[in-house]
Amino acid sequence: MSLFYAENISPETVLDKSEARHLAAFRIKEGDQIQIFDGKGTSALAIVKEITKTIAKLEILNTKKFTPRQNGKITLIVSIAKGQRFDWLISKAAELGADCIMPALFERTVKTASGKNLLERYRKLSISACKQSGNLFLPRIYPPDRFEEHLKQLSDSVFLSASLSDNARSLVEIDLDISANYAVFIGPEGGFTTREEQILKDSGAENISLTSTTLRTETAAVCCCSYLALMRDSARA
């Protein structure tokens, strides 16, 4: 059953124009049952009572509430990439179950994200990805900022730094504590500067390597997220 998004789930839930169009695309009719979620851990089975071009009115049949994870959280602090590459990263990270995404500015970051609708676009991308993947929790997406500012907001995580340095250890060789929260720093394709490497080192970050090849920023982020999500979720299966 396809999943649809409702910002708030109540006995008389109303889907917005975007979701009403999604219903029409799936040829959902009045009287059909659908599954909805609110991005905060609640899902519900509902009957479509009315569909127009702008809204869809639902009757909720039953709901399920899932508690947000307190441990095993994945935060990605990622250098902003050019063009649609960062959009792709947002989508894939949401599919994989990343908890937080922090678009970051490093000294060698080429592209700076801007625009008043930027966070709303990222939010829509994450909603679409969660609908496709069945992830009931939308990631928290922060406004773009210097990585040092993001660093100040991370106090309860193990820091990992995707590094090009010779002393980086392969991620698969690290003894991960799946109950810990992990914050992964992914720099631009030119790598971290010496100053940035020192800041991360002073913060206790462990340098990690991913493959024998040099990965693009968004590829490295998804690679790290995939591995951490696999370790976390397989341990709880």
C-alpha atoms as a PDB file:
ATOM      1  CA  MET A   1       0.000   0.000   0.000  1.00  0.00           C
ATOM      2  CA  SER A   2       1.404   3.399  -0.993  1.00  0.00           C
ATOM      3  CA  LEU A   3       2.308   5.847   1.755  1.00  0.00           C
ATOM      4  CA  PHE A   4       1.053   9.437   1.834  1.00  0.00           C
ATOM      5  CA  TYR A   5       2.092  12.390   4.004  1.00  0.00           C
ATOM      6  CA  ALA A   6      -0.041  14.407   6.404  1.00  0.00           C
ATOM      7  CA  GLU A   7       1.670  17.018   8.537  1.00  0.00           C
ATOM      8  CA  ASN A   8      -0.804  16.357  11.350  1.00  0.00           C
ATOM      9  CA  ILE A   9      -2.921  13.239  11.854  1.00  0.00           C
ATOM     10  CA  SER A  10      -6.292  13.805  13.514  1.00  0.00           C
ATOM     11  CA  PRO A  11      -9.729  12.148  13.271  1.00  0.00           C
ATOM     12  CA  GLU A  12     -10.526  14.440  10.318  1.00  0.00           C
ATOM     13  CA  THR A  13      -7.193  14.615   8.547  1.00  0.00           C
ATOM     14  CA  VAL A  14      -6.958  16.732   5.410  1.00  0.00           C
ATOM     15  CA  LEU A  15      -4.197  16.198   2.852  1.00  0.00           C
ATOM     16  CA  ASP A  16      -2.822  19.218   1.010  1.00  0.00           C
ATOM     17  CA  LYS A  17      -2.791  19.922  -2.721  1.00  0.00           C
ATOM     18  CA  SER A  18       0.462  18.076  -3.349  1.00  0.00           C
ATOM     19  CA  GLU A  19      -0.768  14.897  -1.688  1.00  0.00           C
ATOM     20  CA  ALA A  20      -4.181  15.186  -3.350  1.00  0.00           C
ATOM     21  CA  ARG A  21      -2.378  15.157  -6.691  1.00  0.00           C
ATOM     22  CA  HIS A  22      -0.394  12.149  -5.540  1.00  0.00           C
ATOM     23  CA  LEU A  23      -3.646  10.341  -4.765  1.00  0.00           C
ATOM     24  CA  ALA A  24      -4.949  11.140  -8.242  1.00  0.00           C
ATOM     25  CA  ALA A  25      -1.720   9.854  -9.815  1.00  0.00           C
ATOM     26  CA  PHE A  26      -2.263   6.530  -8.067  1.00  0.00           C
ATOM     27  CA  ARG A  27      -5.923   6.510  -9.167  1.00  0.00           C
ATOM     28  CA  ILE A  28      -7.104   6.522  -5.573  1.00  0.00           C
ATOM     29  CA  LYS A  29     -10.875   7.016  -5.362  1.00  0.00           C
ATOM     30  CA  GLU A  30     -13.291   8.045  -2.656  1.00  0.00           C
ATOM     31  CA  GLY A  31     -13.892   5.049  -0.420  1.00  0.00           C
ATOM     32  CA  ASP A  32     -10.410   3.596  -0.935  1.00  0.00           C
ATOM     33  CA  GLN A  33      -8.132   2.902   2.013  1.00  0.00           C
ATOM     34  CA  ILE A  34      -4.670   4.471   2.195  1.00  0.00           C
ATOM     35  CA  GLN A  35      -1.745   4.582   4.614  1.00  0.00           C
ATOM     36  CA  ILE A  36      -0.519   7.964   5.873  1.00  0.00           C
ATOM     37  CA  PHE A  37       2.317   9.159   8.116  1.00  0.00           C
ATOM     38  CA  ASP A  38       3.244  12.455   9.773  1.00  0.00           C
ATOM     39  CA  GLY A  39       7.049  12.239   9.647  1.00  0.00           C
ATOM     40  CA  LYS A  40       7.197  12.142  13.454  1.00  0.00           C
ATOM     41  CA  GLY A  41       6.574   8.429  13.955  1.00  0.00           C
ATOM     42  CA  THR A  42       2.804   8.154  13.611  1.00  0.00           C
ATOM     43  CA  SER A  43       1.176   6.179  10.811  1.00  0.00           C
ATOM     44  CA  ALA A  44      -2.502   5.583  10.180  1.00  0.00           C
ATOM     45  CA  LEU A  45      -4.887   3.599   8.039  1.00  0.00           C
ATOM     46  CA  ALA A  46      -7.512   5.900   6.555  1.00  0.00           C
ATOM     47  CA  ILE A  47     -10.473   5.960   4.176  1.00  0.00           C
ATOM     48  CA  VAL A  48     -10.632   8.672   1.528  1.00  0.00           C
ATOM     49  CA  LYS A  49     -13.905  10.505   2.072  1.00  0.00           C
ATOM     50  CA  GLU A  50     -13.512  13.299  -0.474  1.00  0.00           C
ATOM     51  CA  ILE A  51     -10.988  14.254  -3.175  1.00  0.00           C
ATOM     52  CA  THR A  52     -10.733  17.546  -5.027  1.00  0.00           C
ATOM     53  CA  LYS A  53      -7.917  19.126  -7.013  1.00  0.00           C
ATOM     54  CA  THR A  54      -6.688  20.925  -3.921  1.00  0.00           C
ATOM     55  CA  ILE A  55      -7.410  18.715  -0.894  1.00  0.00           C
ATOM     56  CA  ALA A  56      -8.324  15.203   0.194  1.00  0.00           C
ATOM     57  CA  LYS A  57     -10.415  14.577   3.308  1.00  0.00           C
ATOM     58  CA  LEU A  58      -9.810  11.367   5.239  1.00  0.00           C
ATOM     59  CA  GLU A  59     -11.429   9.315   7.968  1.00  0.00           C
ATOM     60  CA  ILE A  60      -8.870   7.689  10.251  1.00  0.00           C
ATOM     61  CA  LEU A  61      -9.481   4.005  10.990  1.00  0.00           C
ATOM     62  CA  ASN A  62      -6.533   3.288  13.271  1.00  0.00           C
ATOM     63  CA  THR A  63      -3.173   4.725  14.182  1.00  0.00           C
ATOM     64  CA  LYS A  64       0.204   3.413  15.252  1.00  0.00           C
ATOM     65  CA  LYS A  65       2.792   5.472  17.089  1.00  0.00           C
ATOM     66  CA  PHE A  66       6.488   4.664  17.062  1.00  0.00           C
ATOM     67  CA  THR A  67       8.927   6.211  19.515  1.00  0.00           C
ATOM     68  CA  PRO A  68      11.784   8.215  17.976  1.00  0.00           C
ATOM     69  CA  ARG A  69      15.133   6.533  18.535  1.00  0.00           C
ATOM     70  CA  GLN A  70      17.188   7.924  21.381  1.00  0.00           C
ATOM     71  CA  ASN A  71      20.341   5.992  20.509  1.00  0.00           C
ATOM     72  CA  GLY A  72      21.941   5.069  17.221  1.00  0.00           C
ATOM     73  CA  LYS A  73      21.185   8.430  15.653  1.00  0.00           C
ATOM     74  CA  ILE A  74      23.030   9.378  12.462  1.00  0.00           C
ATOM     75  CA  THR A  75      23.910  13.009  11.790  1.00  0.00           C
ATOM     76  CA  LEU A  76      25.547  14.023   8.514  1.00  0.00           C
ATOM     77  CA  ILE A  77      27.519  17.279   8.437  1.00  0.00           C
ATOM     78  CA  VAL A  78      28.130  17.555   4.719  1.00  0.00           C
ATOM     79  CA  SER A  79      29.785  20.111   2.475  1.00  0.00           C
ATOM     80  CA  ILE A  80      27.250  21.611   0.088  1.00  0.00           C
ATOM     81  CA  ALA A  81      27.677  20.189  -3.423  1.00  0.00           C
ATOM     82  CA  LYS A  82      26.999  21.702  -6.829  1.00  0.00           C
ATOM     83  CA  GLY A  83      23.730  21.553  -8.733  1.00  0.00           C
ATOM     84  CA  GLN A  84      21.297  18.792  -7.936  1.00  0.00           C
ATOM     85  CA  ARG A  85      23.877  16.589  -6.274  1.00  0.00           C
ATOM     86  CA  PHE A  86      22.973  17.838  -2.802  1.00  0.00           C
ATOM     87  CA  ASP A  87      19.285  17.279  -3.538  1.00  0.00           C
ATOM     88  CA  TRP A  88      20.153  13.673  -4.376  1.00  0.00           C
ATOM     89  CA  LEU A  89      22.046  13.383  -1.099  1.00  0.00           C
ATOM     90  CA  ILE A  90      19.046  14.662   0.892  1.00  0.00           C
ATOM     91  CA  SER A  91      16.784  12.086  -0.752  1.00  0.00           C
ATOM     92  CA  LYS A  92      19.108   9.147  -0.200  1.00  0.00           C
ATOM     93  CA  ALA A  93      19.914  10.090   3.388  1.00  0.00           C
ATOM     94  CA  ALA A  94      16.181  10.274   4.160  1.00  0.00           C
ATOM     95  CA  GLU A  95      15.641   6.860   2.547  1.00  0.00           C
ATOM     96  CA  LEU A  96      18.412   5.362   4.660  1.00  0.00           C
ATOM     97  CA  GLY A  97      17.082   6.780   7.920  1.00  0.00           C
ATOM     98  CA  ALA A  98      19.511   9.587   8.698  1.00  0.00           C
ATOM     99  CA  ASP A  99      18.238  11.534  11.705  1.00  0.00           C
ATOM    100  CA  CYS A 100      19.844  14.917  11.014  1.00  0.00           C
ATOM    101  CA  ILE A 101      21.394  16.570   7.968  1.00  0.00           C
ATOM    102  CA  MET A 102      23.536  19.674   8.385  1.00  0.00           C
ATOM    103  CA  PRO A 103      24.517  21.365   5.094  1.00  0.00           C
ATOM    104  CA  ALA A 104      27.955  22.762   5.863  1.00  0.00           C
ATOM    105  CA  LEU A 105      30.353  25.360   4.552  1.00  0.00           C
ATOM    106  CA  PHE A 106      34.027  24.406   4.628  1.00  0.00           C
ATOM    107  CA  GLU A 107      36.912  26.524   3.375  1.00  0.00           C
ATOM    108  CA  ARG A 108      37.053  24.602   0.091  1.00  0.00           C
ATOM    109  CA  THR A 109      33.296  24.391  -0.427  1.00  0.00           C
ATOM    110  CA  VAL A 110      32.652  25.602  -3.982  1.00  0.00           C
ATOM    111  CA  LYS A 111      28.880  26.070  -3.887  1.00  0.00           C
ATOM    112  CA  THR A 112      26.959  27.964  -1.228  1.00  0.00           C
ATOM    113  CA  ALA A 113      23.279  27.104  -0.881  1.00  0.00           C
ATOM    114  CA  SER A 114      20.899  30.049  -0.765  1.00  0.00           C
ATOM    115  CA  GLY A 115      17.289  31.016  -1.365  1.00  0.00           C
ATOM    116  CA  LYS A 116      14.358  31.546   0.960  1.00  0.00           C
ATOM    117  CA  ASN A 117      12.721  28.289  -0.171  1.00  0.00           C
ATOM    118  CA  LEU A 118      15.837  26.164   0.270  1.00  0.00           C
ATOM    119  CA  LEU A 119      14.789  24.365   3.452  1.00  0.00           C
ATOM    120  CA  GLU A 120      11.281  23.848   2.100  1.00  0.00           C
ATOM    121  CA  ARG A 121      12.747  22.192  -1.004  1.00  0.00           C
ATOM    122  CA  TYR A 122      14.912  19.942   1.141  1.00  0.00           C
ATOM    123  CA  ARG A 123      11.861  19.097   3.248  1.00  0.00           C
ATOM    124  CA  LYS A 124       9.818  18.123   0.193  1.00  0.00           C
ATOM    125  CA  LEU A 125      12.660  15.944  -1.057  1.00  0.00           C
ATOM    126  CA  SER A 126      12.853  14.162   2.286  1.00  0.00           C
ATOM    127  CA  ILE A 127       9.075  13.662   2.387  1.00  0.00           C
ATOM    128  CA  SER A 128       9.126  12.081  -1.060  1.00  0.00           C
ATOM    129  CA  ALA A 129      12.026   9.824  -0.070  1.00  0.00           C
ATOM    130  CA  CYS A 130      10.322   8.723   3.150  1.00  0.00           C
ATOM    131  CA  LYS A 131       7.088   7.974   1.292  1.00  0.00           C
ATOM    132  CA  GLN A 132       9.005   5.796  -1.160  1.00  0.00           C
ATOM    133  CA  SER A 133      11.070   3.995   1.477  1.00  0.00           C
ATOM    134  CA  GLY A 134       8.524   3.663   4.272  1.00  0.00           C
ATOM    135  CA  ASN A 135      10.644   5.657   6.718  1.00  0.00           C
ATOM    136  CA  LEU A 136       8.192   7.163   9.224  1.00  0.00           C
ATOM    137  CA  PHE A 137      10.630   9.773  10.539  1.00  0.00           C
ATOM    138  CA  LEU A 138      11.642  12.810   8.507  1.00  0.00           C
ATOM    139  CA  PRO A 139      15.246  13.861   9.094  1.00  0.00           C
ATOM    140  CA  ARG A 140      15.827  17.185  10.782  1.00  0.00           C
ATOM    141  CA  ILE A 141      17.472  19.437   8.200  1.00  0.00           C
ATOM    142  CA  TYR A 142      19.394  22.443   9.472  1.00  0.00           C
ATOM    143  CA  PRO A 143      19.976  25.714   7.603  1.00  0.00           C
ATOM    144  CA  PRO A 144      23.372  25.853   5.869  1.00  0.00           C
ATOM    145  CA  ASP A 145      26.111  27.160   8.154  1.00  0.00           C
ATOM    146  CA  ARG A 146      29.858  27.032   8.742  1.00  0.00           C
ATOM    147  CA  PHE A 147      30.846  23.588   9.949  1.00  0.00           C
ATOM    148  CA  GLU A 148      32.278  25.067  13.160  1.00  0.00           C
ATOM    149  CA  GLU A 149      28.814  26.380  14.042  1.00  0.00           C
ATOM    150  CA  HIS A 150      27.243  22.996  13.413  1.00  0.00           C
ATOM    151  CA  LEU A 151      29.952  21.404  15.543  1.00  0.00           C
ATOM    152  CA  LYS A 152      28.869  23.476  18.552  1.00  0.00           C
ATOM    153  CA  GLN A 153      25.415  21.856  18.441  1.00  0.00           C
ATOM    154  CA  LEU A 154      26.719  18.283  18.664  1.00  0.00           C
ATOM    155  CA  SER A 155      27.400  17.270  22.229  1.00  0.00           C
ATOM    156  CA  ASP A 156      26.264  13.664  22.547  1.00  0.00           C
ATOM    157  CA  SER A 157      27.741  12.037  19.451  1.00  0.00           C
ATOM    158  CA  VAL A 158      30.809  10.085  18.411  1.00  0.00           C
ATOM    159  CA  PHE A 159      32.571  12.123  15.733  1.00  0.00           C
ATOM    160  CA  LEU A 160      33.804  10.510  12.520  1.00  0.00           C
ATOM    161  CA  SER A 161      35.654  12.457   9.845  1.00  0.00           C
ATOM    162  CA  ALA A 162      35.813  11.171   6.266  1.00  0.00           C
ATOM    163  CA  SER A 163      39.436  12.013   5.609  1.00  0.00           C
ATOM    164  CA  LEU A 164      41.971  11.821   2.811  1.00  0.00           C
ATOM    165  CA  SER A 165      44.836  11.660   5.322  1.00  0.00           C
ATOM    166  CA  ASP A 166      47.206   8.700   5.527  1.00  0.00           C
ATOM    167  CA  ASN A 167      46.253   7.950   9.132  1.00  0.00           C
ATOM    168  CA  ALA A 168      42.573   7.356   8.343  1.00  0.00           C
ATOM    169  CA  ARG A 169      41.226   3.937   9.342  1.00  0.00           C
ATOM    170  CA  SER A 170      38.803   1.995   7.207  1.00  0.00           C
ATOM    171  CA  LEU A 171      35.272   2.427   8.518  1.00  0.00           C
ATOM    172  CA  VAL A 172      34.734  -1.347   8.523  1.00  0.00           C
ATOM    173  CA  GLU A 173      37.729  -1.805  10.841  1.00  0.00           C
ATOM    174  CA  ILE A 174      36.314   0.463  13.538  1.00  0.00           C
ATOM    175  CA  ASP A 175      34.562  -1.200  16.466  1.00  0.00           C
ATOM    176  CA  LEU A 176      31.290   0.694  16.324  1.00  0.00           C
ATOM    177  CA  ASP A 177      29.012   0.983  19.331  1.00  0.00           C
ATOM    178  CA  ILE A 178      25.589   0.681  17.705  1.00  0.00           C
ATOM    179  CA  SER A 179      23.944   2.271  20.762  1.00  0.00           C
ATOM    180  CA  ALA A 180      25.965   5.466  20.278  1.00  0.00           C
ATOM    181  CA  ASN A 181      24.958   8.487  18.217  1.00  0.00           C
ATOM    182  CA  TYR A 182      27.289   9.205  15.311  1.00  0.00           C
ATOM    183  CA  ALA A 183      28.066  12.511  13.628  1.00  0.00           C
ATOM    184  CA  VAL A 184      29.924  12.158  10.335  1.00  0.00           C
ATOM    185  CA  PHE A 185      31.807  15.069   8.804  1.00  0.00           C
ATOM    186  CA  ILE A 186      32.064  14.970   5.009  1.00  0.00           C
ATOM    187  CA  GLY A 187      34.159  17.719   3.464  1.00  0.00           C
ATOM    188  CA  PRO A 188      34.319  19.053  -0.088  1.00  0.00           C
ATOM    189  CA  GLU A 189      36.080  17.101  -2.802  1.00  0.00           C
ATOM    190  CA  GLY A 190      39.270  19.074  -2.169  1.00  0.00           C
ATOM    191  CA  GLY A 191      39.298  17.721   1.370  1.00  0.00           C
ATOM    192  CA  PHE A 192      39.597  19.502   4.695  1.00  0.00           C
ATOM    193  CA  THR A 193      42.168  22.229   5.187  1.00  0.00           C
ATOM    194  CA  THR A 194      44.883  21.793   7.801  1.00  0.00           C
ATOM    195  CA  ARG A 195      43.012  24.158  10.105  1.00  0.00           C
ATOM    196  CA  GLU A 196      39.771  22.189   9.731  1.00  0.00           C
ATOM    197  CA  GLU A 197      41.544  18.895  10.331  1.00  0.00           C
ATOM    198  CA  GLN A 198      42.968  20.310  13.547  1.00  0.00           C
ATOM    199  CA  ILE A 199      39.542  21.504  14.708  1.00  0.00           C
ATOM    200  CA  LEU A 200      38.087  18.060  14.104  1.00  0.00           C
ATOM    201  CA  LYS A 201      41.027  16.380  15.817  1.00  0.00           C
ATOM    202  CA  ASP A 202      40.665  18.646  18.850  1.00  0.00           C
ATOM    203  CA  SER A 203      36.978  17.732  18.943  1.00  0.00           C
ATOM    204  CA  GLY A 204      37.845  14.044  19.182  1.00  0.00           C
ATOM    205  CA  ALA A 205      36.891  13.046  15.639  1.00  0.00           C
ATOM    206  CA  GLU A 206      38.338   9.811  14.305  1.00  0.00           C
ATOM    207  CA  ASN A 207      39.584   9.912  10.716  1.00  0.00           C
ATOM    208  CA  ILE A 208      37.932   7.262   8.555  1.00  0.00           C
ATOM    209  CA  SER A 209      38.407   6.082   4.989  1.00  0.00           C
ATOM    210  CA  LEU A 210      35.726   4.473   2.853  1.00  0.00           C
ATOM    211  CA  THR A 211      37.212   3.045  -0.330  1.00  0.00           C
ATOM    212  CA  SER A 212      40.503   2.992  -2.187  1.00  0.00           C
ATOM    213  CA  THR A 213      39.065   5.576  -4.591  1.00  0.00           C
ATOM    214  CA  THR A 214      38.317   9.246  -4.003  1.00  0.00           C
ATOM    215  CA  LEU A 215      34.574   9.698  -3.684  1.00  0.00           C
ATOM    216  CA  ARG A 216      32.413  12.683  -4.454  1.00  0.00           C
ATOM    217  CA  THR A 217      30.991  14.447  -1.426  1.00  0.00           C
ATOM    218  CA  GLU A 218      27.467  13.089  -1.832  1.00  0.00           C
ATOM    219  CA  THR A 219      28.733   9.568  -2.553  1.00  0.00           C
ATOM    220  CA  ALA A 220      30.862   9.571   0.595  1.00  0.00           C
ATOM    221  CA  ALA A 221      27.928  10.805   2.682  1.00  0.00           C
ATOM    222  CA  VAL A 222      25.582   8.109   1.403  1.00  0.00           C
ATOM    223  CA  CYS A 223      28.294   5.455   1.796  1.00  0.00           C
ATOM    224  CA  CYS A 224      28.810   6.372   5.463  1.00  0.00           C
ATOM    225  CA  CYS A 225      25.100   6.634   6.140  1.00  0.00           C
ATOM    226  CA  SER A 226      24.425   3.267   4.497  1.00  0.00           C
ATOM    227  CA  TYR A 227      27.017   1.474   6.589  1.00  0.00           C
ATOM    228  CA  LEU A 228      25.991   3.057   9.892  1.00  0.00           C
ATOM    229  CA  ALA A 229      22.290   2.447   9.194  1.00  0.00           C
ATOM    230  CA  LEU A 230      23.001  -1.180   8.277  1.00  0.00           C
ATOM    231  CA  MET A 231      24.957  -1.761  11.483  1.00  0.00           C
ATOM    232  CA  ARG A 232      22.328  -0.029  13.594  1.00  0.00           C
ATOM    233  CA  ASP A 233      19.272  -1.675  12.080  1.00  0.00           C
ATOM    234  CA  SER A 234      20.722  -5.183  11.755  1.00  0.00           C
ATOM    235  CA  ALA A 235      21.639  -5.152  15.435  1.00  0.00           C
ATOM    236  CA  ARG A 236      18.016  -4.405  16.317  1.00  0.00           C
ATOM    237  CA  ALA A 237      16.447  -6.907  13.942  1.00  0.00           C
END
